Amino acid sequence: MAQRIRVQCINKSDRYSAHERIRTIGGTNPNWTRWRLAEADAIGAIEDGTYSFYVERPTGHVVNVVVAQHLGHKYLKTTADGEQPDNLLALPECPA
């Protein structure tokens, strides 16, 4: 069974692009250390069943992060968004 992990922040590859892309996702572990995972690694972890990710925003409103595909390119989005990963894109930037 996949380990369920909350995504709390992201980094985008180009913040000014009309087609904003998620480069990394991240969050905080139970011991308060930070984690960050490249989009390709997160996609692989979802597909192989290692992790399942979710976003909780606002508090109490949980949506799953899933792998989508458009024109042969895989990307991350949340189940509630349709075509655009708005819930993910609305998250704050992960600290450096």
N, C-alpha and C. Protein backbone atom coordinates (compact mmCIF):
# COMPACT_ATOMS: atom_id res chain seq x y z
N MET A 1 0.84 -1.18 0.00
CA MET A 1 0.00 0.00 0.00
C MET A 1 0.88 1.25 0.00
N ALA A 2 0.49 2.22 -0.78
CA ALA A 2 1.26 3.46 -0.92
C ALA A 2 1.24 4.27 0.38
N GLN A 3 2.38 4.88 0.67
CA GLN A 3 2.46 5.80 1.81
C GLN A 3 1.82 7.12 1.39
N ARG A 4 0.89 7.63 2.19
CA ARG A 4 0.15 8.86 1.86
C ARG A 4 0.91 10.06 2.40
N ILE A 5 1.18 11.02 1.53
CA ILE A 5 2.01 12.17 1.89
C ILE A 5 1.34 13.47 1.45
N ARG A 6 1.34 14.43 2.34
CA ARG A 6 0.76 15.75 2.04
C ARG A 6 1.78 16.64 1.33
N VAL A 7 1.36 17.24 0.23
CA VAL A 7 2.18 18.21 -0.49
C VAL A 7 1.83 19.58 0.05
N GLN A 8 2.85 20.33 0.50
CA GLN A 8 2.61 21.63 1.11
C GLN A 8 3.24 22.78 0.35
N CYS A 9 4.12 22.47 -0.61
CA CYS A 9 4.78 23.52 -1.38
C CYS A 9 5.23 22.96 -2.72
N ILE A 10 5.54 23.86 -3.64
CA ILE A 10 6.02 23.46 -4.97
C ILE A 10 7.10 24.43 -5.42
N ASN A 11 7.82 24.04 -6.45
CA ASN A 11 8.70 24.94 -7.18
C ASN A 11 8.34 24.81 -8.65
N LYS A 12 8.26 25.95 -9.32
CA LYS A 12 7.89 25.97 -10.74
C LYS A 12 9.14 26.18 -11.58
N SER A 13 9.12 25.63 -12.79
CA SER A 13 10.28 25.79 -13.66
C SER A 13 10.34 27.18 -14.27
N ASP A 14 9.21 27.83 -14.49
CA ASP A 14 9.17 29.18 -15.06
C ASP A 14 7.92 29.88 -14.55
N ARG A 15 8.09 30.72 -13.57
CA ARG A 15 6.94 31.37 -12.93
C ARG A 15 6.21 32.32 -13.88
N TYR A 16 6.82 32.75 -14.98
CA TYR A 16 6.19 33.72 -15.88
C TYR A 16 5.59 33.07 -17.12
N SER A 17 5.75 31.79 -17.25
CA SER A 17 5.23 31.08 -18.41
C SER A 17 3.71 30.97 -18.35
N ALA A 18 3.07 31.06 -19.51
CA ALA A 18 1.62 30.86 -19.56
C ALA A 18 1.27 29.41 -19.26
N HIS A 19 2.21 28.53 -19.45
CA HIS A 19 2.02 27.10 -19.15
C HIS A 19 2.90 26.74 -17.97
N GLU A 20 2.52 27.23 -16.80
CA GLU A 20 3.33 27.00 -15.60
C GLU A 20 3.52 25.52 -15.36
N ARG A 21 4.74 25.15 -15.08
CA ARG A 21 5.08 23.75 -14.87
C ARG A 21 5.64 23.55 -13.47
N ILE A 22 5.25 22.46 -12.88
CA ILE A 22 5.76 22.11 -11.56
C ILE A 22 7.08 21.37 -11.74
N ARG A 23 8.12 21.88 -11.09
CA ARG A 23 9.44 21.25 -11.14
C ARG A 23 9.61 20.29 -9.97
N THR A 24 9.22 20.72 -8.76
CA THR A 24 9.32 19.89 -7.57
C THR A 24 8.09 20.09 -6.69
N ILE A 25 7.81 19.07 -5.88
CA ILE A 25 6.80 19.18 -4.83
C ILE A 25 7.52 18.94 -3.51
N GLY A 26 6.94 19.42 -2.41
CA GLY A 26 7.61 19.23 -1.13
C GLY A 26 6.65 19.38 0.04
N GLY A 27 7.23 19.23 1.21
CA GLY A 27 6.45 19.35 2.43
C GLY A 27 7.33 19.16 3.65
N THR A 28 6.69 18.86 4.75
CA THR A 28 7.39 18.68 6.03
C THR A 28 7.10 17.29 6.56
N ASN A 29 8.16 16.60 6.99
CA ASN A 29 8.02 15.27 7.60
C ASN A 29 7.49 15.41 9.03
N PRO A 30 7.04 14.30 9.63
CA PRO A 30 6.56 14.36 11.02
C PRO A 30 7.61 14.89 12.00
N ASN A 31 8.91 14.73 11.69
CA ASN A 31 9.96 15.22 12.59
C ASN A 31 10.39 16.66 12.23
N TRP A 32 9.59 17.34 11.42
CA TRP A 32 9.75 18.73 11.01
C TRP A 32 10.89 18.96 10.02
N THR A 33 11.53 17.93 9.52
CA THR A 33 12.50 18.11 8.44
C THR A 33 11.73 18.28 7.14
N ARG A 34 12.33 18.97 6.20
CA ARG A 34 11.67 19.21 4.92
C ARG A 34 12.03 18.13 3.91
N TRP A 35 11.10 17.85 3.02
CA TRP A 35 11.37 16.95 1.91
C TRP A 35 11.00 17.64 0.61
N ARG A 36 11.64 17.22 -0.47
CA ARG A 36 11.34 17.75 -1.79
C ARG A 36 11.59 16.63 -2.79
N LEU A 37 10.74 16.56 -3.82
CA LEU A 37 10.82 15.49 -4.80
C LEU A 37 10.59 16.08 -6.19
N ALA A 38 11.46 15.72 -7.14
CA ALA A 38 11.29 16.19 -8.51
C ALA A 38 9.97 15.65 -9.08
N GLU A 39 9.36 16.41 -9.98
CA GLU A 39 8.09 15.99 -10.57
C GLU A 39 8.19 14.59 -11.17
N ALA A 40 9.24 14.31 -11.92
CA ALA A 40 9.39 12.99 -12.56
C ALA A 40 9.46 11.89 -11.51
N ASP A 41 10.14 12.14 -10.40
CA ASP A 41 10.23 11.14 -9.33
C ASP A 41 8.88 10.94 -8.64
N ALA A 42 8.14 12.04 -8.46
CA ALA A 42 6.81 11.93 -7.85
C ALA A 42 5.88 11.14 -8.76
N ILE A 43 5.94 11.40 -10.06
CA ILE A 43 5.13 10.65 -11.02
C ILE A 43 5.47 9.17 -10.95
N GLY A 44 6.75 8.83 -10.94
CA GLY A 44 7.17 7.44 -10.83
C GLY A 44 6.69 6.78 -9.55
N ALA A 45 6.76 7.52 -8.43
CA ALA A 45 6.33 6.98 -7.14
C ALA A 45 4.83 6.73 -7.10
N ILE A 46 4.06 7.59 -7.75
CA ILE A 46 2.61 7.37 -7.84
C ILE A 46 2.33 6.15 -8.70
N GLU A 47 2.98 6.09 -9.84
CA GLU A 47 2.72 5.00 -10.78
C GLU A 47 3.15 3.64 -10.25
N ASP A 48 4.23 3.60 -9.47
CA ASP A 48 4.65 2.29 -8.94
C ASP A 48 4.05 1.96 -7.58
N GLY A 49 3.21 2.86 -7.05
CA GLY A 49 2.51 2.58 -5.81
C GLY A 49 3.29 2.84 -4.54
N THR A 50 4.45 3.51 -4.64
CA THR A 50 5.25 3.81 -3.46
C THR A 50 4.58 4.88 -2.60
N TYR A 51 4.14 5.97 -3.25
CA TYR A 51 3.52 7.09 -2.55
C TYR A 51 2.19 7.45 -3.21
N SER A 52 1.30 8.01 -2.41
CA SER A 52 0.13 8.72 -2.93
C SER A 52 0.18 10.09 -2.26
N PHE A 53 0.01 11.12 -3.05
CA PHE A 53 0.13 12.49 -2.57
C PHE A 53 -1.24 13.14 -2.52
N TYR A 54 -1.36 14.14 -1.65
CA TYR A 54 -2.60 14.91 -1.56
C TYR A 54 -2.27 16.35 -1.17
N VAL A 55 -3.22 17.23 -1.45
CA VAL A 55 -3.14 18.64 -1.05
C VAL A 55 -4.32 18.89 -0.12
N GLU A 56 -4.07 19.60 0.96
CA GLU A 56 -5.16 19.99 1.88
C GLU A 56 -5.19 21.51 1.93
N ARG A 57 -6.13 22.05 1.16
CA ARG A 57 -6.21 23.51 1.06
C ARG A 57 -7.59 23.88 0.59
N PRO A 58 -8.36 24.59 1.40
CA PRO A 58 -8.09 25.00 2.78
C PRO A 58 -8.12 23.80 3.72
N THR A 59 -7.79 24.04 4.97
CA THR A 59 -7.76 22.98 5.97
C THR A 59 -9.06 22.20 5.95
N GLY A 60 -8.94 20.88 5.87
CA GLY A 60 -10.11 20.01 5.85
C GLY A 60 -10.58 19.66 4.46
N HIS A 61 -10.12 20.38 3.44
CA HIS A 61 -10.50 20.09 2.05
C HIS A 61 -9.34 19.35 1.38
N VAL A 62 -9.45 18.03 1.29
CA VAL A 62 -8.38 17.19 0.78
C VAL A 62 -8.68 16.78 -0.65
N VAL A 63 -7.69 16.98 -1.53
CA VAL A 63 -7.79 16.51 -2.92
C VAL A 63 -6.53 15.72 -3.24
N ASN A 64 -6.70 14.65 -3.98
CA ASN A 64 -5.58 13.79 -4.35
C ASN A 64 -4.79 14.38 -5.50
N VAL A 65 -3.49 14.10 -5.49
CA VAL A 65 -2.61 14.46 -6.59
C VAL A 65 -2.53 13.22 -7.49
N VAL A 66 -2.73 13.41 -8.77
CA VAL A 66 -2.72 12.31 -9.73
C VAL A 66 -1.79 12.63 -10.89
N VAL A 67 -1.48 11.61 -11.66
CA VAL A 67 -0.69 11.78 -12.87
C VAL A 67 -1.65 11.94 -14.04
N ALA A 68 -1.47 12.99 -14.82
CA ALA A 68 -2.26 13.24 -16.02
C ALA A 68 -1.31 13.24 -17.21
N GLN A 69 -1.90 13.17 -18.39
CA GLN A 69 -1.08 13.17 -19.60
C GLN A 69 -1.74 14.05 -20.65
N HIS A 70 -0.93 14.88 -21.29
CA HIS A 70 -1.42 15.76 -22.36
C HIS A 70 -0.39 15.75 -23.48
N LEU A 71 -0.80 15.34 -24.66
CA LEU A 71 0.08 15.25 -25.83
C LEU A 71 1.34 14.44 -25.53
N GLY A 72 1.16 13.34 -24.79
CA GLY A 72 2.26 12.44 -24.49
C GLY A 72 3.15 12.86 -23.33
N HIS A 73 2.86 13.99 -22.71
CA HIS A 73 3.67 14.47 -21.59
C HIS A 73 2.93 14.25 -20.27
N LYS A 74 3.57 13.58 -19.33
CA LYS A 74 2.97 13.35 -18.01
C LYS A 74 3.24 14.54 -17.11
N TYR A 75 2.25 14.86 -16.27
CA TYR A 75 2.39 15.94 -15.30
C TYR A 75 1.51 15.65 -14.10
N LEU A 76 1.72 16.42 -13.04
CA LEU A 76 0.93 16.27 -11.81
C LEU A 76 -0.20 17.27 -11.79
N LYS A 77 -1.34 16.84 -11.28
CA LYS A 77 -2.48 17.73 -11.05
C LYS A 77 -3.29 17.15 -9.91
N THR A 78 -4.26 17.91 -9.46
CA THR A 78 -5.16 17.39 -8.44
C THR A 78 -6.46 16.95 -9.11
N THR A 79 -7.16 16.06 -8.48
CA THR A 79 -8.38 15.49 -9.05
C THR A 79 -9.48 16.52 -9.23
N ALA A 80 -9.45 17.62 -8.51
CA ALA A 80 -10.55 18.59 -8.54
C ALA A 80 -10.40 19.68 -9.60
N ASP A 81 -9.35 19.65 -10.39
CA ASP A 81 -9.02 20.79 -11.23
C ASP A 81 -9.42 20.74 -12.70
N GLY A 82 -9.79 19.63 -13.24
CA GLY A 82 -9.97 19.56 -14.68
C GLY A 82 -8.61 19.49 -15.36
N GLU A 83 -8.31 20.41 -16.26
CA GLU A 83 -7.06 20.36 -17.02
C GLU A 83 -5.87 20.99 -16.32
N GLN A 84 -6.08 21.98 -15.49
CA GLN A 84 -4.97 22.70 -14.88
C GLN A 84 -4.78 22.30 -13.42
N PRO A 85 -3.53 22.15 -12.97
CA PRO A 85 -3.27 21.78 -11.57
C PRO A 85 -3.34 22.98 -10.63
N ASP A 86 -4.50 23.67 -10.59
CA ASP A 86 -4.63 24.91 -9.83
C ASP A 86 -4.35 24.74 -8.33
N ASN A 87 -4.83 23.65 -7.73
CA ASN A 87 -4.58 23.46 -6.30
C ASN A 87 -3.09 23.36 -6.02
N LEU A 88 -2.35 22.69 -6.88
CA LEU A 88 -0.91 22.61 -6.72
C LEU A 88 -0.25 23.96 -6.99
N LEU A 89 -0.66 24.62 -8.07
CA LEU A 89 -0.06 25.90 -8.42
C LEU A 89 -0.33 26.98 -7.39
N ALA A 90 -1.39 26.82 -6.60
CA ALA A 90 -1.71 27.80 -5.57
C ALA A 90 -0.86 27.63 -4.30
N LEU A 91 -0.14 26.51 -4.20
CA LEU A 91 0.69 26.29 -3.02
C LEU A 91 1.88 27.24 -3.03
N PRO A 92 2.42 27.56 -1.85
CA PRO A 92 3.59 28.44 -1.79
C PRO A 92 4.83 27.75 -2.34
N GLU A 93 5.83 28.55 -2.66
CA GLU A 93 7.10 28.02 -3.13
C GLU A 93 7.82 27.31 -1.97
N CYS A 94 8.45 26.18 -2.29
CA CYS A 94 9.27 25.48 -1.29
C CYS A 94 10.52 26.32 -1.03
N PRO A 95 10.93 26.42 0.24
CA PRO A 95 12.15 27.17 0.53
C PRO A 95 13.38 26.47 -0.06
N ALA A 96 14.36 27.25 -0.36
CA ALA A 96 15.59 26.72 -0.95
C ALA A 96 16.34 25.83 0.00
